Amino acid sequence: MDFSSWSTWAAWSGTTSQSSLNTQLMQLALVAFVAAIIVSLSTVPLVRHLARRIGMVDAPDPTRKLHSGQIALGGGVAILFATLTALGLCVALGRFWGLDQLPWGPHWTALTVGCIAIVALGIIDDRFVLRGRQKLLCQVAIAVGIVLTSDVFESVDVLGIHVNFGIFGFLITVAWLLGAINAINLLDGADGMASTIGAILAAGFAAITALKGASLECAISLALAGALIGFLVYNRPPASIFMGDAGSMMIGLLLGTLALWSSQKETAIMAVAPLVVFAIPLFDSVVAILRRVLTGRSLYDADRAHMHHMLLQRFSHRRTLAIVAMLCTISTTAAVMSVAFNRQWIAPLGAAIALGWLILSRSFGYAEVALLCTRTWYFVESFFTASKKCDSHVRHRTWQMQGSRSWDSIWDSLVEFADKHQLAKVKMDLNIAWMHEGYHGAYQRARLPEKSQQVSLRTPIWANDRIVGRLEVIGGGEATSSHIVLEQLIQRLQDLQPEVERLLAEMSAAHGLPTAATTSSEQSQSTPALVEASG
């Protein structure tokens, strides 16, 4: 055999050997997928039974939860057990077959410990209800532990634009993991929602990592997808068990870490595609933060204005689930195609199509984006407003954040009062979560009084013994006259209370809810005691 023939045979032999190796690795990944489904299907009923025995159930909550009966929690334990069992089987078989393409380094140990820790945190939260800051602190500790064993986001290339994070890389990486953890957690508000989204995202990561030859990442992605598919049998509407915070946070941590590792590959494509997979969950989180910041609510305020809540007002439960699944599939498929065809622009295009449909159809995010654009325009306009017009120039607008009930009569009365008494700022935010209703009104002069001259008032708006919103007012001028104006404003609120209760009664009747008893005059008189004023 001459040298050229030998070279040809060697090349063919190497190609065949590599192809055989890839086939074996894919077979291992599929074993992990099937094993995870079987373990999940057999484990979930046991966890459900145990959760009911120890009283770890999710009770109905009229403010933000949609179910009507007590549902078992702890599904996250079964999901984690199925995922790790399937992954362990995959690694053991790989070692038995003599494959060394499944390396287990310190970063994998850190991820495993982190997943166990965050499931434990979720169980404690589901059982005893931690404060938001307590849970966040634990999440930060877990995220830092994983980042310390991994590389951080040092830079990113997006459509030819290079962004170097420099010394902020560590903080940005930790923030990414926190965002991924809570993005899935915030969407876990309807039967089958988080498990469907998680399964689609995990399948997307499996495809991306398979295309780049990351065997272990592909195996754990398929294992998680299989565990979630098995869990979905019991979690689909009507659900008999919830994954709880234990499951949703674990899914976010695991997929967020895989996105982190995948985005650190050598190509610009891999810097964007894994992040685009998270487009839908992250959009829900960003919109929630925008809504709360721009309306002056606390970041921990509960509401029913997340994506699944808004879609459920227009579609049935199953159709809502199908729509969210379709949107996640569009963005995830675009991310996979961008890697397969080596075209980075495909990934953001897919995300833009999915998010654009949500906003332009006014299904979700339209009010928040409109509010952000208006606030941005007001800020830009302030640079071009003449000084002599600042005191007389008033910006005044309302936004229907959720629902369709008209609150203009309440708001117009407050605006009339503000014009009459030359108030500098009035902001009313209504958040009637249990009736899927939200309304925001803002009135502000171009120039506010100096801080030292401001008299401010912040008070809850009460109706039928419940807080339905908040009012913020800023005035200026002489202290005596300003305080008199604020006293008159409190009286105006009391006069408007019957109108608020009438609107609530109409909404209760429309929703088929029992009408609350009218607040007594004694309780009405106590409203000013809840006012926080400063001047």
Protein backbone atom coordinates (compact mmCIF):
# COMPACT_ATOMS: atom_id res chain seq x y z
CA MET A 1 0.00 0.00 0.00
CA ASP A 2 1.53 3.35 -1.02
CA PHE A 3 1.69 6.37 1.24
CA SER A 4 -1.30 8.21 -0.31
CA SER A 5 -3.53 5.14 0.06
CA TRP A 6 -2.41 4.75 3.67
CA SER A 7 -3.25 8.41 4.39
CA THR A 8 -6.67 8.06 2.81
CA TRP A 9 -7.40 4.93 4.86
CA ALA A 10 -6.19 6.59 8.09
CA ALA A 11 -8.38 9.63 7.48
CA TRP A 12 -11.40 7.44 6.75
CA SER A 13 -10.68 5.32 9.81
CA GLY A 14 -10.39 8.41 12.04
CA THR A 15 -13.65 9.81 10.69
CA THR A 16 -15.41 6.50 11.25
CA SER A 17 -14.00 6.22 14.76
CA GLN A 18 -15.13 9.77 15.62
CA SER A 19 -18.56 9.10 14.16
CA SER A 20 -18.85 5.94 16.24
CA LEU A 21 -17.81 7.85 19.35
CA ASN A 22 -20.40 10.57 18.71
CA THR A 23 -23.06 7.90 18.23
CA GLN A 24 -22.16 6.35 21.58
CA LEU A 25 -22.30 9.71 23.32
CA MET A 26 -25.70 10.48 21.83
CA GLN A 27 -26.92 7.05 22.91
CA LEU A 28 -25.80 7.86 26.46
CA ALA A 29 -27.63 11.18 26.36
CA LEU A 30 -30.80 9.47 25.16
CA VAL A 31 -30.43 6.91 27.95
CA ALA A 32 -30.34 9.81 30.41
CA PHE A 33 -33.48 11.27 28.82
CA VAL A 34 -35.48 8.03 28.99
CA ALA A 35 -34.21 7.17 32.48
CA ALA A 36 -35.22 10.60 33.77
CA ILE A 37 -38.76 10.18 32.44
CA ILE A 38 -39.11 6.77 34.10
CA VAL A 39 -37.66 7.90 37.45
CA SER A 40 -39.79 11.05 37.44
CA LEU A 41 -42.99 9.15 36.65
CA SER A 42 -42.35 6.72 39.50
CA THR A 43 -41.05 9.24 42.06
CA VAL A 44 -43.60 12.07 41.79
CA PRO A 45 -46.53 10.06 43.26
CA LEU A 46 -44.38 9.14 46.28
CA VAL A 47 -43.38 12.76 46.84
CA ARG A 48 -46.99 13.88 46.42
CA HIS A 49 -48.18 11.38 49.03
CA LEU A 50 -45.46 12.39 51.49
CA ALA A 51 -46.14 16.12 50.99
CA ARG A 52 -49.80 15.63 51.80
CA ARG A 53 -48.93 13.56 54.86
CA ILE A 54 -46.70 16.25 56.36
CA GLY A 55 -48.99 19.11 55.36
CA MET A 56 -46.66 20.68 52.77
CA VAL A 57 -49.42 21.96 50.51
CA ASP A 58 -50.09 25.18 48.63
CA ALA A 59 -53.25 26.83 49.94
CA PRO A 60 -55.33 29.20 47.77
CA ASP A 61 -54.34 32.87 47.89
CA PRO A 62 -56.84 35.44 46.57
CA THR A 63 -54.07 37.94 45.78
CA ARG A 64 -51.94 36.05 43.26
CA LYS A 65 -52.66 32.30 43.16
CA LEU A 66 -55.14 30.82 40.71
CA HIS A 67 -55.96 27.39 42.12
CA SER A 68 -58.94 26.80 44.39
CA GLY A 69 -57.90 23.83 46.55
CA GLN A 70 -54.86 22.66 48.49
CA ILE A 71 -52.24 21.18 46.15
CA ALA A 72 -49.21 19.16 47.23
CA LEU A 73 -45.79 20.82 46.97
CA GLY A 74 -42.32 19.31 46.70
CA GLY A 75 -42.29 18.36 43.03
CA GLY A 76 -38.87 19.96 42.76
CA VAL A 77 -37.42 17.16 44.90
CA ALA A 78 -38.64 14.53 42.42
CA ILE A 79 -37.35 16.57 39.45
CA LEU A 80 -33.88 16.93 40.99
CA PHE A 81 -33.75 13.26 42.00
CA ALA A 82 -34.75 12.11 38.51
CA THR A 83 -32.24 14.46 36.85
CA LEU A 84 -29.27 13.46 39.02
CA THR A 85 -30.15 9.76 38.89
CA ALA A 86 -30.30 9.80 35.10
CA LEU A 87 -27.08 11.83 34.87
CA GLY A 88 -25.33 9.44 37.26
CA LEU A 89 -26.44 6.48 35.16
CA CYS A 90 -25.16 8.21 32.03
CA VAL A 91 -21.72 8.88 33.58
CA ALA A 92 -21.47 5.36 35.01
CA LEU A 93 -22.26 3.79 31.62
CA GLY A 94 -19.73 6.08 29.96
CA ARG A 95 -17.02 4.96 32.35
CA PHE A 96 -18.04 1.32 31.84
CA TRP A 97 -17.72 1.73 28.05
CA GLY A 98 -14.33 3.41 28.48
CA LEU A 99 -15.45 6.84 27.26
CA ASP A 100 -13.48 9.81 28.58
CA GLN A 101 -15.65 12.47 26.88
CA LEU A 102 -17.75 12.92 30.04
CA PRO A 103 -15.29 14.82 32.28
CA TRP A 104 -16.47 15.60 35.80
CA GLY A 105 -14.61 18.62 37.16
CA PRO A 106 -14.98 20.84 40.24
CA HIS A 107 -17.49 23.05 38.45
CA TRP A 108 -19.83 20.09 38.02
CA THR A 109 -19.53 19.28 41.72
CA ALA A 110 -20.32 22.91 42.55
CA LEU A 111 -23.37 22.85 40.27
CA THR A 112 -24.66 19.63 41.84
CA VAL A 113 -24.21 20.98 45.37
CA GLY A 114 -25.81 24.27 44.30
CA CYS A 115 -28.87 22.49 42.89
CA ILE A 116 -29.27 20.47 46.08
CA ALA A 117 -28.87 23.62 48.18
CA ILE A 118 -31.41 25.63 46.21
CA VAL A 119 -33.95 22.79 46.35
CA ALA A 120 -33.46 22.74 50.14
CA LEU A 121 -33.97 26.51 50.19
CA GLY A 122 -37.14 26.13 48.15
CA ILE A 123 -38.53 23.47 50.48
CA ILE A 124 -37.89 25.69 53.50
CA ASP A 125 -39.57 28.61 51.72
CA ASP A 126 -42.54 26.48 50.65
CA ARG A 127 -42.96 25.18 54.20
CA PHE A 128 -42.24 28.25 56.33
CA VAL A 129 -42.44 31.22 53.86
CA LEU A 130 -39.16 33.15 54.01
CA ARG A 131 -38.91 36.91 53.59
CA GLY A 132 -37.85 38.08 50.16
CA ARG A 133 -34.50 39.41 51.34
CA GLN A 134 -33.72 36.17 53.19
CA LYS A 135 -34.35 34.09 50.09
CA LEU A 136 -32.35 36.50 47.92
CA LEU A 137 -29.36 36.32 50.28
CA CYS A 138 -29.33 32.52 50.06
CA GLN A 139 -29.66 32.68 46.27
CA VAL A 140 -26.66 35.03 46.11
CA ALA A 141 -24.57 32.65 48.24
CA ILE A 142 -25.42 29.69 46.00
CA ALA A 143 -24.75 31.67 42.80
CA VAL A 144 -21.39 32.92 44.12
CA GLY A 145 -20.37 29.35 45.00
CA ILE A 146 -20.98 28.25 41.41
CA VAL A 147 -19.33 31.29 39.83
CA LEU A 148 -16.18 30.80 41.94
CA THR A 149 -15.60 27.44 40.20
CA SER A 150 -16.47 28.72 36.71
CA ASP A 151 -15.30 31.39 34.33
CA VAL A 152 -17.18 34.69 34.45
CA PHE A 153 -18.70 36.84 31.72
CA GLU A 154 -15.66 38.84 30.61
CA SER A 155 -17.05 40.15 27.34
CA VAL A 156 -19.76 39.56 24.78
CA ASP A 157 -19.97 40.06 21.01
CA VAL A 158 -23.43 40.96 19.73
CA LEU A 159 -23.89 41.49 15.99
CA GLY A 160 -20.31 42.68 15.62
CA ILE A 161 -20.35 44.91 18.71
CA HIS A 162 -17.79 43.91 21.36
CA VAL A 163 -18.64 44.74 24.97
CA ASN A 164 -15.95 44.20 27.61
CA PHE A 165 -17.25 43.86 31.19
CA GLY A 166 -13.84 44.17 32.83
CA ILE A 167 -13.91 44.23 36.63
CA PHE A 168 -17.71 43.96 36.62
CA GLY A 169 -17.63 40.50 35.05
CA PHE A 170 -18.03 38.68 38.38
CA LEU A 171 -21.00 40.79 39.48
CA ILE A 172 -22.67 40.48 36.07
CA THR A 173 -22.25 36.70 36.14
CA VAL A 174 -23.81 36.42 39.61
CA ALA A 175 -26.60 38.76 38.51
CA TRP A 176 -27.23 36.54 35.47
CA LEU A 177 -27.67 33.45 37.65
CA LEU A 178 -30.00 35.36 40.00
CA GLY A 179 -32.03 36.50 37.00
CA ALA A 180 -32.27 32.96 35.62
CA ILE A 181 -33.31 31.55 39.02
CA ASN A 182 -36.07 34.07 39.55
CA ALA A 183 -37.23 34.23 35.91
CA ILE A 184 -38.46 30.64 36.02
CA ASN A 185 -39.74 31.10 39.57
CA LEU A 186 -41.91 34.09 38.62
CA LEU A 187 -43.50 32.16 35.75
CA ASP A 188 -44.47 29.25 37.99
CA GLY A 189 -47.99 30.55 38.54
CA ALA A 190 -50.22 28.29 36.47
CA ASP A 191 -50.59 24.53 36.10
CA GLY A 192 -47.89 23.10 33.85
CA MET A 193 -46.35 26.49 33.07
CA ALA A 194 -42.87 26.24 34.56
CA SER A 195 -42.48 22.54 33.69
CA THR A 196 -43.43 23.17 30.04
CA ILE A 197 -41.11 26.17 29.72
CA GLY A 198 -38.30 24.33 31.49
CA ALA A 199 -38.62 21.27 29.25
CA ILE A 200 -38.48 23.38 26.08
CA LEU A 201 -35.49 25.39 27.30
CA ALA A 202 -33.67 22.22 28.41
CA ALA A 203 -34.28 20.60 25.01
CA GLY A 204 -32.88 23.74 23.37
CA PHE A 205 -29.72 23.60 25.47
CA ALA A 206 -29.38 19.89 24.65
CA ALA A 207 -29.43 20.71 20.93
CA ILE A 208 -26.96 23.60 21.27
CA THR A 209 -24.49 21.63 23.38
CA ALA A 210 -24.80 18.59 21.09
CA LEU A 211 -23.92 20.74 18.09
CA LYS A 212 -20.80 21.95 19.90
CA GLY A 213 -19.80 18.51 21.20
CA ALA A 214 -20.35 19.26 24.90
CA SER A 215 -21.40 15.74 25.84
CA LEU A 216 -22.00 16.09 29.59
CA GLU A 217 -23.90 19.36 29.17
CA CYS A 218 -26.09 17.67 26.55
CA ALA A 219 -26.71 14.71 28.86
CA ILE A 220 -27.81 16.80 31.85
CA SER A 221 -30.00 18.98 29.60
CA LEU A 222 -31.81 15.91 28.26
CA ALA A 223 -32.03 14.47 31.78
CA LEU A 224 -33.72 17.65 33.02
CA ALA A 225 -36.05 17.69 30.00
CA GLY A 226 -37.01 14.08 30.67
CA ALA A 227 -37.59 14.73 34.38
CA LEU A 228 -39.85 17.67 33.55
CA ILE A 229 -41.82 15.69 30.96
CA GLY A 230 -42.43 12.98 33.53
CA PHE A 231 -43.45 15.58 36.11
CA LEU A 232 -45.76 17.28 33.61
CA VAL A 233 -47.97 14.17 33.60
CA TYR A 234 -49.00 15.11 37.15
CA ASN A 235 -48.60 18.87 36.81
CA ARG A 236 -50.68 19.47 33.68
CA PRO A 237 -54.08 21.17 34.20
CA PRO A 238 -55.63 20.36 36.61
CA ALA A 239 -52.42 19.78 38.57
CA SER A 240 -52.25 17.34 41.48
CA ILE A 241 -48.78 18.52 42.56
CA PHE A 242 -46.71 21.71 42.19
CA MET A 243 -42.94 21.86 41.83
CA GLY A 244 -42.89 24.81 44.24
CA ASP A 245 -40.00 27.21 44.65
CA ALA A 246 -37.74 24.18 45.10
CA GLY A 247 -38.33 23.09 41.52
CA SER A 248 -38.61 26.41 39.71
CA MET A 249 -35.45 27.84 41.29
CA MET A 250 -33.51 24.65 40.58
CA ILE A 251 -34.53 24.71 36.91
CA GLY A 252 -33.45 28.34 36.62
CA LEU A 253 -30.11 27.71 38.34
CA LEU A 254 -29.28 24.63 36.25
CA LEU A 255 -30.25 26.15 32.90
CA GLY A 256 -28.70 29.51 33.79
CA THR A 257 -25.40 27.80 34.59
CA LEU A 258 -25.50 25.84 31.34
CA ALA A 259 -26.11 29.10 29.48
CA LEU A 260 -23.14 30.62 31.29
CA TRP A 261 -20.83 27.75 30.39
CA SER A 262 -22.04 27.58 26.79
CA SER A 263 -21.68 31.33 26.21
CA GLN A 264 -17.99 31.16 27.16
CA LYS A 265 -17.10 29.12 24.09
CA GLU A 266 -14.74 30.55 21.55
CA THR A 267 -17.27 31.78 18.98
CA ALA A 268 -19.44 34.89 19.04
CA ILE A 269 -22.43 32.72 18.12
CA MET A 270 -22.17 30.85 21.41
CA ALA A 271 -21.99 34.13 23.31
CA VAL A 272 -25.56 35.02 22.35
CA ALA A 273 -27.53 31.89 21.46
CA PRO A 274 -27.67 30.35 24.98
CA LEU A 275 -28.86 33.66 26.41
CA VAL A 276 -31.60 34.03 23.79
CA VAL A 277 -33.06 30.71 24.96
CA PHE A 278 -34.08 32.57 28.12
CA ALA A 279 -35.81 35.38 26.18
CA ILE A 280 -39.40 34.67 27.28
CA PRO A 281 -38.76 34.05 31.02
CA LEU A 282 -36.42 37.03 31.27
CA PHE A 283 -38.89 39.29 29.48
CA ASP A 284 -41.53 38.43 32.06
CA SER A 285 -39.11 39.32 34.87
CA VAL A 286 -37.98 42.57 33.24
CA VAL A 287 -41.58 43.67 32.65
CA ALA A 288 -42.47 42.86 36.27
CA ILE A 289 -39.56 44.97 37.54
CA LEU A 290 -40.46 47.82 35.17
CA ARG A 291 -44.08 47.74 36.30
CA ARG A 292 -43.20 47.94 39.97
CA VAL A 293 -40.44 50.53 39.65
CA LEU A 294 -42.32 52.87 37.30
CA THR A 295 -45.55 52.73 39.34
CA GLY A 296 -43.77 53.14 42.67
CA ARG A 297 -44.66 49.71 44.03
CA SER A 298 -42.36 47.54 46.09
CA LEU A 299 -40.39 44.92 44.17
CA TYR A 300 -41.91 42.34 46.52
CA ASP A 301 -45.53 43.41 45.90
CA ALA A 302 -47.67 40.50 44.76
CA ASP A 303 -49.82 40.95 41.68
CA ARG A 304 -51.53 39.04 38.93
CA ALA A 305 -49.91 40.83 36.03
CA HIS A 306 -47.31 38.30 34.93
CA MET A 307 -47.41 36.90 31.44
CA HIS A 308 -49.52 33.86 32.26
CA HIS A 309 -51.98 35.99 34.27
CA MET A 310 -52.47 38.38 31.37
CA LEU A 311 -52.88 35.60 28.81
CA LEU A 312 -55.38 33.78 31.02
CA GLN A 313 -57.65 36.83 30.85
CA ARG A 314 -57.95 36.33 27.09
CA PHE A 315 -57.49 32.59 26.56
CA SER A 316 -58.29 29.29 28.24
CA HIS A 317 -55.73 27.60 30.48
CA ARG A 318 -54.69 25.06 27.88
CA ARG A 319 -54.50 27.64 25.12
CA THR A 320 -52.40 29.91 27.34
CA LEU A 321 -50.03 27.02 27.97
CA ALA A 322 -49.86 26.35 24.23
CA ILE A 323 -49.14 30.02 23.43
CA VAL A 324 -46.31 30.26 25.96
CA ALA A 325 -44.89 26.96 24.70
CA MET A 326 -45.04 28.26 21.11
CA LEU A 327 -43.26 31.50 22.02
CA CYS A 328 -40.52 29.64 23.92
CA THR A 329 -40.16 27.24 20.99
CA ILE A 330 -39.73 30.13 18.53
CA SER A 331 -36.95 31.80 20.52
CA THR A 332 -35.26 28.48 21.40
CA THR A 333 -35.40 27.18 17.81
CA ALA A 334 -33.91 30.44 16.57
CA ALA A 335 -31.05 30.06 19.05
CA VAL A 336 -30.39 26.49 17.90
CA MET A 337 -30.52 27.52 14.22
CA SER A 338 -28.06 30.34 14.81
CA VAL A 339 -25.55 27.78 16.10
CA ALA A 340 -26.32 25.19 13.42
CA PHE A 341 -25.98 27.66 10.53
CA ASN A 342 -23.33 29.86 12.18
CA ARG A 343 -25.48 32.98 11.81
CA GLN A 344 -25.68 35.03 14.99
CA TRP A 345 -28.51 37.29 13.79
CA ILE A 346 -31.00 34.40 13.70
CA ALA A 347 -31.12 34.16 17.51
CA PRO A 348 -32.10 37.77 18.29
CA LEU A 349 -34.50 37.75 15.34
CA GLY A 350 -36.38 34.80 16.81
CA ALA A 351 -36.54 36.50 20.22
CA ALA A 352 -37.75 39.73 18.61
CA ILE A 353 -40.56 37.89 16.80
CA ALA A 354 -41.77 36.20 19.99
CA LEU A 355 -41.55 39.32 22.18
CA GLY A 356 -42.92 41.54 19.43
CA TRP A 357 -46.08 39.44 19.20
CA LEU A 358 -46.65 39.76 22.96
CA ILE A 359 -46.28 43.55 22.92
CA LEU A 360 -47.97 44.44 19.63
CA SER A 361 -50.95 42.18 20.30
CA ARG A 362 -51.21 43.84 23.72
CA SER A 363 -51.20 40.40 25.29
CA PHE A 364 -48.39 41.26 27.71
CA GLY A 365 -45.93 44.08 28.27
CA TYR A 366 -47.65 46.77 26.21
CA ALA A 367 -48.67 48.99 29.15
CA GLU A 368 -45.23 48.75 30.77
CA VAL A 369 -43.41 49.57 27.52
CA ALA A 370 -45.79 52.50 26.90
CA LEU A 371 -45.18 53.79 30.44
CA LEU A 372 -41.41 53.50 29.98
CA CYS A 373 -41.51 55.33 26.64
CA THR A 374 -43.62 58.12 28.11
CA ARG A 375 -41.31 58.55 31.07
CA THR A 376 -38.30 58.58 28.74
CA TRP A 377 -39.97 61.21 26.54
CA TYR A 378 -40.76 63.39 29.57
CA PHE A 379 -37.12 63.18 30.61
CA VAL A 380 -35.87 64.19 27.16
CA GLU A 381 -38.49 66.94 26.90
CA SER A 382 -37.34 68.46 30.21
CA PHE A 383 -34.08 69.55 28.55
CA PHE A 384 -35.99 71.66 26.01
CA THR A 385 -38.65 73.24 28.25
CA ALA A 386 -38.10 76.96 28.81
CA SER A 387 -37.51 77.93 32.42
CA LYS A 388 -40.38 80.42 32.50
CA LYS A 389 -42.81 77.68 31.41
CA CYS A 390 -41.73 75.09 33.96
CA ASP A 391 -44.12 76.22 36.70
CA SER A 392 -47.17 76.19 34.41
CA HIS A 393 -46.30 73.19 32.22
CA VAL A 394 -48.08 70.08 33.53
CA ARG A 395 -47.58 66.51 32.33
CA HIS A 396 -50.67 64.41 32.91
CA ARG A 397 -51.48 60.90 31.71
CA THR A 398 -53.11 57.63 32.76
CA TRP A 399 -52.32 54.00 31.92
CA GLN A 400 -54.63 50.99 32.15
CA MET A 401 -52.09 48.50 33.46
CA GLN A 402 -54.54 45.62 33.67
CA GLY A 403 -58.27 44.99 33.25
CA SER A 404 -60.78 47.28 31.58
CA ARG A 405 -62.64 49.08 34.39
CA SER A 406 -62.64 52.88 34.00
CA TRP A 407 -61.20 54.71 37.00
CA ASP A 408 -61.17 58.07 35.25
CA SER A 409 -63.85 59.56 37.51
CA ILE A 410 -61.61 59.01 40.55
CA TRP A 411 -58.52 60.31 38.79
CA ASP A 412 -60.25 63.35 37.24
CA SER A 413 -61.40 64.44 40.70
CA LEU A 414 -57.82 64.30 41.97
CA VAL A 415 -56.51 66.19 38.94
CA GLU A 416 -59.13 68.88 39.45
CA PHE A 417 -58.01 69.21 43.07
CA ALA A 418 -54.33 69.38 42.00
CA ASP A 419 -55.05 72.16 39.47
CA LYS A 420 -57.09 74.16 41.97
CA HIS A 421 -54.47 74.00 44.72
CA GLN A 422 -51.38 74.15 42.51
CA LEU A 423 -50.00 70.79 43.64
CA ALA A 424 -46.65 69.85 42.10
CA LYS A 425 -47.18 66.11 41.77
CA VAL A 426 -49.97 63.57 42.16
CA LYS A 427 -49.53 59.87 41.51
CA MET A 428 -52.28 57.26 41.98
CA ASP A 429 -51.57 53.58 41.54
CA LEU A 430 -54.31 50.98 41.86
CA ASN A 431 -53.33 47.32 42.19
CA ILE A 432 -56.43 45.18 42.73
CA ALA A 433 -54.70 41.88 42.09
CA TRP A 434 -57.55 39.60 43.12
CA MET A 435 -59.71 41.14 40.38
CA HIS A 436 -56.95 41.41 37.74
CA GLU A 437 -57.26 45.19 37.74
CA GLY A 438 -54.51 47.82 37.58
CA TYR A 439 -54.55 51.55 36.87
CA HIS A 440 -51.85 54.22 37.09
CA GLY A 441 -52.22 57.98 36.85
CA ALA A 442 -49.43 60.57 36.97
CA TYR A 443 -49.71 64.36 37.23
CA GLN A 444 -46.55 66.43 37.53
CA ARG A 445 -45.36 69.94 36.85
CA ALA A 446 -42.17 70.36 34.86
CA ARG A 447 -40.45 71.85 37.90
CA LEU A 448 -40.88 70.42 41.39
CA PRO A 449 -40.28 72.51 44.53
CA GLU A 450 -36.89 72.22 46.19
CA LYS A 451 -36.61 69.28 48.54
CA SER A 452 -36.43 71.57 51.56
CA GLN A 453 -39.73 73.23 50.56
CA GLN A 454 -41.70 70.10 49.67
CA VAL A 455 -44.64 68.85 51.67
CA SER A 456 -45.37 65.22 50.74
CA LEU A 457 -48.07 62.73 51.52
CA ARG A 458 -48.16 59.00 50.87
CA THR A 459 -51.25 57.07 51.84
CA PRO A 460 -52.90 53.75 51.03
CA ILE A 461 -56.28 53.85 49.31
CA TRP A 462 -58.71 51.68 51.26
CA ALA A 463 -61.97 50.08 50.22
CA ASN A 464 -63.94 47.38 52.00
CA ASP A 465 -61.16 46.84 54.56
CA ARG A 466 -58.55 46.17 51.87
CA ILE A 467 -55.79 48.25 50.38
CA VAL A 468 -56.59 48.73 46.68
CA GLY A 469 -53.88 51.24 45.82
CA ARG A 470 -51.66 54.09 46.93
CA LEU A 471 -51.63 57.84 46.48
CA GLU A 472 -48.55 60.07 46.49
CA VAL A 473 -48.78 63.86 46.54
CA ILE A 474 -46.12 66.60 46.60
CA GLY A 475 -46.92 70.24 47.30
CA GLY A 476 -44.87 73.30 48.11
CA GLY A 477 -45.13 76.79 49.50
CA GLU A 478 -45.86 77.93 53.03
CA ALA A 479 -46.06 75.12 55.57
CA THR A 480 -49.38 76.21 57.06
CA SER A 481 -51.29 76.48 53.79
CA SER A 482 -49.71 73.28 52.42
CA HIS A 483 -50.80 71.26 55.41
CA ILE A 484 -54.30 72.64 55.09
CA VAL A 485 -54.35 71.54 51.46
CA LEU A 486 -53.24 68.05 52.43
CA GLU A 487 -55.99 67.86 55.04
CA GLN A 488 -58.49 68.85 52.36
CA LEU A 489 -57.04 66.18 50.08
CA ILE A 490 -57.59 63.53 52.76
CA GLN A 491 -61.18 64.68 53.00
CA ARG A 492 -61.46 64.39 49.21
CA LEU A 493 -60.24 60.79 49.42
CA GLN A 494 -62.89 60.01 52.01
CA ASP A 495 -65.53 61.54 49.74
CA LEU A 496 -64.30 59.36 46.86
CA GLN A 497 -64.32 56.16 48.89
CA PRO A 498 -67.99 55.30 48.13
CA GLU A 499 -67.25 55.64 44.41
CA VAL A 500 -64.26 53.29 44.73
CA GLU A 501 -66.40 50.76 46.62
CA ARG A 502 -69.13 51.04 43.99
CA LEU A 503 -66.66 50.22 41.22
CA LEU A 504 -65.31 47.32 43.26
CA ALA A 505 -68.83 46.00 43.77
CA GLU A 506 -69.47 46.14 40.01
CA MET A 507 -66.23 44.24 39.36
CA SER A 508 -67.11 41.65 42.03
CA ALA A 509 -70.46 41.07 40.36
CA ALA A 510 -68.80 40.79 36.94
CA HIS A 511 -66.32 38.23 38.29
CA GLY A 512 -68.98 36.33 40.20
CA LEU A 513 -67.31 37.13 43.52
CA PRO A 514 -69.18 37.88 46.76
CA THR A 515 -69.59 41.59 47.32
CA ALA A 516 -67.66 42.76 50.38
CA ALA A 517 -69.47 44.62 53.09
CA THR A 518 -69.33 48.35 52.92
CA THR A 519 -66.67 49.85 55.16
CA SER A 520 -68.13 51.37 58.30
CA SER A 521 -67.98 55.09 58.90
CA GLU A 522 -65.75 54.51 61.89
CA GLN A 523 -63.18 52.68 59.72
CA SER A 524 -63.50 55.39 57.11
CA GLN A 525 -62.64 58.01 59.70
CA SER A 526 -59.50 56.07 60.64
CA THR A 527 -57.98 56.41 57.18
CA PRO A 528 -55.99 59.60 57.96
CA ALA A 529 -54.12 57.69 60.66
CA LEU A 530 -52.44 55.72 57.87
CA VAL A 531 -51.06 58.83 56.22
CA GLU A 532 -47.33 59.48 56.23
CA ALA A 533 -46.69 63.20 55.77
CA SER A 534 -43.50 65.22 55.87
CA GLY A 535 -42.72 68.84 55.37
